[in-house]
Amino acid sequence: MRFDELEKKLRIYETAHDFCVPPEIYMVARIDGRGFTRLTKEKHDFNRPFDERFRDLMVETVKHLMNCGFKFIYGYTESDEISLLFDLNENGFGRKTRKLNSILAGEASSKFTLLLGDLAAFDCRISQLPRKNLVVDYFRWRNEDAHRNALSAHCYWLLRNKGLSASKATKEISGKSNSDKNELLFQHGVNFNELPAWQKRGVGLYWQTVEKTGWNPKKKVEEKTFRQEIKVEMNLPMGDAYSEFVLKFLGEGA
């Protein structure tokens, strides 16, 4: 059988279930670490519950993804997950979810592995959001998730450091309200409100225009130029203020 005949016959088995996100639908990629509990708690000696070294690895991975060939207008990371908001007009690979998922998971895995010096893997899924308010709600959801997880993590590791076993520490905080968890920390000298914002809210990344001054060797003069650089925001707002923060990346319109 000739090659073109084989190509036509077998390509269908690769592409039969391809799905392309329709135009004018916002896309958000969520990229999660696979098996990171073992990686960060057993194989590597990261501080608990939060470690600036791990945070910086995740931030550098987000920067890499925002420069890997797709147009992203906002990136967000908390814990071992990353969320990336595509430009509404991004049309790479025909917006095929199969391609987007595999490329972004591969890029994240490769970059983090190189940074850490140990094998790391991520998976990826694409959320399809038809309206701006849903995009805002998505990032509010992840922001609130970061806050909830940070509060529970600080309580859990406080109890573990006091000598409780993993099961007893988990049982102790299970079912407690946020106010009860805050009180637990406060009784042990920890004011949750005063902890670093990046632990409680995650980290945001976005493009900004910066002015640079450089030397023009032909004209032999200094010249000002404007470049796009990634801004890393470690002090994200919360609640409605965060909604407004995200909304500014979406521009005018519905």
Protein backbone atom coordinates (compact mmCIF):
# COMPACT_ATOMS: atom_id res chain seq x y z
CA MET A 1 0.00 0.00 0.00
CA ARG A 2 1.32 3.44 -0.92
CA PHE A 3 2.23 5.95 1.78
CA ASP A 4 -0.54 8.41 0.91
CA GLU A 5 -3.07 5.61 1.11
CA LEU A 6 -1.76 4.54 4.52
CA GLU A 7 -1.82 8.16 5.64
CA LYS A 8 -5.45 8.60 4.63
CA LYS A 9 -6.46 5.27 6.14
CA LEU A 10 -4.78 5.62 9.54
CA ARG A 11 -4.79 9.36 10.24
CA ILE A 12 -8.49 9.15 11.06
CA TYR A 13 -7.71 7.05 14.12
CA GLU A 14 -5.63 9.93 15.51
CA THR A 15 -8.07 12.70 14.70
CA ALA A 16 -11.52 11.10 14.99
CA HIS A 17 -12.12 12.61 18.40
CA ASP A 18 -10.42 15.97 17.88
CA PHE A 19 -12.34 18.85 19.38
CA CYS A 20 -11.69 22.46 18.43
CA VAL A 21 -12.80 25.24 20.76
CA PRO A 22 -15.13 27.54 18.80
CA PRO A 23 -14.04 31.12 18.14
CA GLU A 24 -15.00 33.88 20.58
CA ILE A 25 -14.86 31.43 23.48
CA TYR A 26 -12.35 32.18 26.21
CA MET A 27 -9.92 29.38 27.00
CA VAL A 28 -8.16 28.81 30.31
CA ALA A 29 -5.59 26.03 30.67
CA ARG A 30 -5.22 24.50 34.12
CA ILE A 31 -1.94 22.64 34.55
CA ASP A 32 -1.50 20.49 37.67
CA GLY A 33 1.51 18.73 39.12
CA ARG A 34 1.25 14.93 39.07
CA GLY A 35 2.47 13.14 42.20
CA PHE A 36 3.84 16.36 43.67
CA THR A 37 3.05 15.36 47.25
CA ARG A 38 5.73 12.68 47.09
CA LEU A 39 8.04 14.87 45.02
CA THR A 40 7.96 17.83 47.41
CA LYS A 41 7.49 16.07 50.75
CA GLU A 42 9.55 12.89 50.39
CA LYS A 43 12.12 13.30 47.63
CA HIS A 44 13.00 16.95 48.27
CA ASP A 45 13.34 18.81 51.53
CA PHE A 46 11.04 21.77 50.92
CA ASN A 47 9.80 23.74 53.91
CA ARG A 48 6.24 23.07 55.03
CA PRO A 49 3.62 24.24 54.42
CA PHE A 50 5.19 26.77 52.01
CA ASP A 51 8.64 27.21 50.54
CA GLU A 52 9.87 30.21 48.56
CA ARG A 53 12.14 27.94 46.53
CA PHE A 54 9.18 25.89 45.31
CA ARG A 55 7.15 29.04 44.68
CA ASP A 56 9.95 30.41 42.50
CA LEU A 57 10.15 27.16 40.51
CA MET A 58 6.45 27.45 39.75
CA VAL A 59 6.76 31.14 38.81
CA GLU A 60 9.61 30.40 36.42
CA THR A 61 7.55 27.60 34.88
CA VAL A 62 4.66 30.01 34.30
CA LYS A 63 7.03 32.50 32.68
CA HIS A 64 8.26 29.77 30.36
CA LEU A 65 4.72 28.80 29.38
CA MET A 66 3.81 32.42 28.68
CA ASN A 67 6.71 32.50 26.21
CA CYS A 68 6.24 29.08 24.59
CA GLY A 69 4.40 30.17 21.46
CA PHE A 70 0.83 30.89 22.56
CA LYS A 71 -0.55 34.31 23.42
CA PHE A 72 -1.48 34.32 27.08
CA ILE A 73 -2.73 37.48 28.76
CA TYR A 74 -2.74 36.31 32.39
CA GLY A 75 -1.06 33.55 34.36
CA TYR A 76 -1.76 32.42 37.90
CA THR A 77 -0.12 29.87 40.17
CA GLU A 78 -0.91 28.52 43.60
CA SER A 79 0.50 25.39 45.22
CA ASP A 80 1.42 22.99 42.37
CA GLU A 81 -1.08 24.30 39.83
CA ILE A 82 -0.99 26.89 37.05
CA SER A 83 -3.86 28.63 35.25
CA LEU A 84 -3.27 30.42 31.95
CA LEU A 85 -5.75 32.69 30.19
CA PHE A 86 -5.41 32.65 26.40
CA ASP A 87 -5.95 35.76 24.35
CA LEU A 88 -9.47 35.53 22.92
CA ASN A 89 -8.08 35.50 19.38
CA GLU A 90 -5.43 32.83 19.98
CA ASN A 91 -5.81 30.28 17.17
CA GLY A 92 -2.76 28.07 17.58
CA PHE A 93 -3.23 24.52 16.25
CA GLY A 94 -6.77 25.43 15.27
CA ARG A 95 -7.69 25.58 18.99
CA LYS A 96 -7.59 21.78 19.17
CA THR A 97 -7.83 20.81 22.83
CA ARG A 98 -5.80 17.64 22.23
CA LYS A 99 -2.84 19.67 20.97
CA LEU A 100 -3.13 22.42 23.56
CA ASN A 101 -3.30 19.95 26.45
CA SER A 102 -0.38 17.84 25.30
CA ILE A 103 1.90 20.77 24.43
CA LEU A 104 1.31 22.70 27.65
CA ALA A 105 1.66 19.62 29.86
CA GLY A 106 4.88 18.74 28.07
CA GLU A 107 6.32 22.25 28.26
CA ALA A 108 5.52 22.57 31.97
CA SER A 109 6.93 19.13 32.76
CA SER A 110 10.14 19.79 30.85
CA LYS A 111 10.77 23.22 32.33
CA PHE A 112 10.06 22.22 35.92
CA THR A 113 12.20 19.09 35.57
CA LEU A 114 15.15 21.17 34.37
CA LEU A 115 14.71 23.69 37.18
CA LEU A 116 14.36 21.08 39.91
CA GLY A 117 16.93 18.63 38.57
CA ASP A 118 14.49 15.77 39.06
CA LEU A 119 11.71 14.22 37.03
CA ALA A 120 8.42 16.11 37.35
CA ALA A 121 5.17 15.75 35.41
CA PHE A 122 2.10 17.91 34.86
CA ASP A 123 -1.28 17.27 33.29
CA CYS A 124 -3.45 19.85 31.56
CA ARG A 125 -7.12 20.51 30.79
CA ILE A 126 -8.86 23.36 28.98
CA SER A 127 -11.86 25.25 30.36
CA GLN A 128 -14.08 26.81 27.70
CA LEU A 129 -15.75 29.94 29.02
CA PRO A 130 -18.22 31.81 26.80
CA ARG A 131 -18.44 35.02 28.86
CA LYS A 132 -16.10 37.36 30.68
CA ASN A 133 -17.90 36.95 33.98
CA LEU A 134 -17.16 33.22 33.85
CA VAL A 135 -13.47 33.95 33.29
CA VAL A 136 -13.52 36.21 36.35
CA ASP A 137 -15.39 33.55 38.33
CA TYR A 138 -12.82 30.95 37.32
CA PHE A 139 -9.92 32.96 38.70
CA ARG A 140 -11.94 33.92 41.80
CA TRP A 141 -12.46 30.19 42.36
CA ARG A 142 -8.74 29.44 42.17
CA ASN A 143 -7.93 32.47 44.35
CA GLU A 144 -10.40 31.32 47.00
CA ASP A 145 -9.04 27.78 46.74
CA ALA A 146 -5.56 29.10 47.48
CA HIS A 147 -6.85 30.92 50.57
CA ARG A 148 -8.74 27.90 51.87
CA ASN A 149 -5.84 25.51 51.28
CA ALA A 150 -3.32 27.89 52.88
CA LEU A 151 -5.39 28.17 56.05
CA SER A 152 -5.80 24.40 56.34
CA ALA A 153 -2.13 23.75 55.53
CA HIS A 154 -0.89 26.14 58.21
CA CYS A 155 -3.18 24.52 60.78
CA TYR A 156 -2.16 21.00 59.76
CA TRP A 157 1.57 21.65 59.92
CA LEU A 158 1.28 23.57 63.15
CA LEU A 159 -0.31 20.48 64.72
CA ARG A 160 2.22 18.15 63.11
CA ASN A 161 5.06 20.25 64.50
CA LYS A 162 3.40 20.01 67.92
CA GLY A 163 3.78 16.23 67.71
CA LEU A 164 0.43 15.08 66.33
CA SER A 165 0.40 12.28 63.78
CA ALA A 166 -0.84 12.90 60.23
CA SER A 167 -4.18 11.23 60.97
CA LYS A 168 -4.71 13.06 64.27
CA ALA A 169 -3.80 16.43 62.77
CA THR A 170 -6.21 15.83 59.89
CA LYS A 171 -8.98 14.81 62.29
CA GLU A 172 -8.34 17.83 64.51
CA ILE A 173 -8.99 20.35 61.73
CA SER A 174 -11.67 18.35 59.88
CA GLY A 175 -14.99 20.18 59.98
CA LYS A 176 -13.58 23.33 61.57
CA SER A 177 -14.82 26.65 60.20
CA ASN A 178 -12.41 29.24 58.85
CA SER A 179 -12.85 31.28 62.02
CA ASP A 180 -12.03 28.24 64.14
CA LYS A 181 -8.88 27.60 62.09
CA ASN A 182 -7.84 31.23 62.42
CA GLU A 183 -8.35 30.98 66.16
CA LEU A 184 -6.31 27.79 66.34
CA LEU A 185 -3.39 29.52 64.67
CA PHE A 186 -3.80 32.64 66.78
CA GLN A 187 -3.68 30.61 70.00
CA HIS A 188 -0.25 29.41 68.92
CA GLY A 189 1.05 32.86 68.05
CA VAL A 190 0.27 32.85 64.31
CA ASN A 191 -1.84 35.65 62.81
CA PHE A 192 -3.01 34.25 59.48
CA ASN A 193 -3.80 37.74 58.17
CA GLU A 194 -0.17 38.74 58.55
CA LEU A 195 1.28 35.83 56.59
CA PRO A 196 2.75 36.57 53.12
CA ALA A 197 0.05 37.31 50.55
CA TRP A 198 1.46 34.84 48.00
CA GLN A 199 0.81 31.97 50.39
CA LYS A 200 -2.84 32.94 50.84
CA ARG A 201 -3.74 34.20 47.36
CA GLY A 202 -1.25 32.74 44.90
CA VAL A 203 0.86 34.65 42.40
CA GLY A 204 -0.30 36.48 39.26
CA LEU A 205 1.73 37.10 36.12
CA TYR A 206 0.91 39.40 33.22
CA TRP A 207 2.53 41.38 30.45
CA GLN A 208 3.42 45.03 30.94
CA THR A 209 5.14 47.60 28.76
CA VAL A 210 8.41 48.90 30.18
CA GLU A 211 10.67 51.68 28.98
CA LYS A 212 14.31 50.82 28.32
CA THR A 213 17.23 53.09 27.51
CA GLY A 214 19.86 51.67 25.20
CA TRP A 215 22.79 52.79 23.09
CA ASN A 216 22.31 53.08 19.33
CA PRO A 217 25.79 52.35 17.87
CA LYS A 218 24.87 53.67 14.42
CA LYS A 219 23.53 57.00 15.60
CA LYS A 220 25.88 57.04 18.60
CA VAL A 221 23.13 58.24 20.89
CA GLU A 222 21.02 56.83 23.69
CA GLU A 223 17.51 55.90 22.65
CA LYS A 224 14.40 54.94 24.56
CA THR A 225 12.54 51.81 23.52
CA PHE A 226 9.48 50.02 24.85
CA ARG A 227 9.36 46.30 25.50
CA GLN A 228 6.90 43.76 26.84
CA GLU A 229 7.99 42.06 30.05
CA ILE A 230 6.25 39.73 32.47
CA LYS A 231 5.23 41.34 35.74
CA VAL A 232 5.11 39.00 38.76
CA GLU A 233 2.52 40.11 41.31
CA MET A 234 3.09 38.61 44.76
CA ASN A 235 0.41 40.71 46.48
CA LEU A 236 -2.83 39.89 44.72
CA PRO A 237 -6.03 41.43 46.03
CA MET A 238 -8.91 39.31 47.30
CA GLY A 239 -12.65 39.21 46.81
CA ASP A 240 -14.25 41.81 44.54
CA ALA A 241 -10.95 43.63 44.20
CA TYR A 242 -9.46 40.52 42.62
CA SER A 243 -12.42 40.30 40.23
CA GLU A 244 -11.68 43.84 39.06
CA PHE A 245 -8.00 42.96 38.76
CA VAL A 246 -8.76 40.02 36.43
CA LEU A 247 -11.38 41.94 34.47
CA LYS A 248 -8.84 44.54 33.34
CA PHE A 249 -7.08 41.90 31.23
CA LEU A 250 -10.28 41.19 29.30
CA GLY A 251 -10.83 44.64 27.83
CA GLU A 252 -14.13 46.16 26.81
CA GLY A 253 -17.30 44.37 25.83
CA ALA A 254 -19.44 41.54 27.16
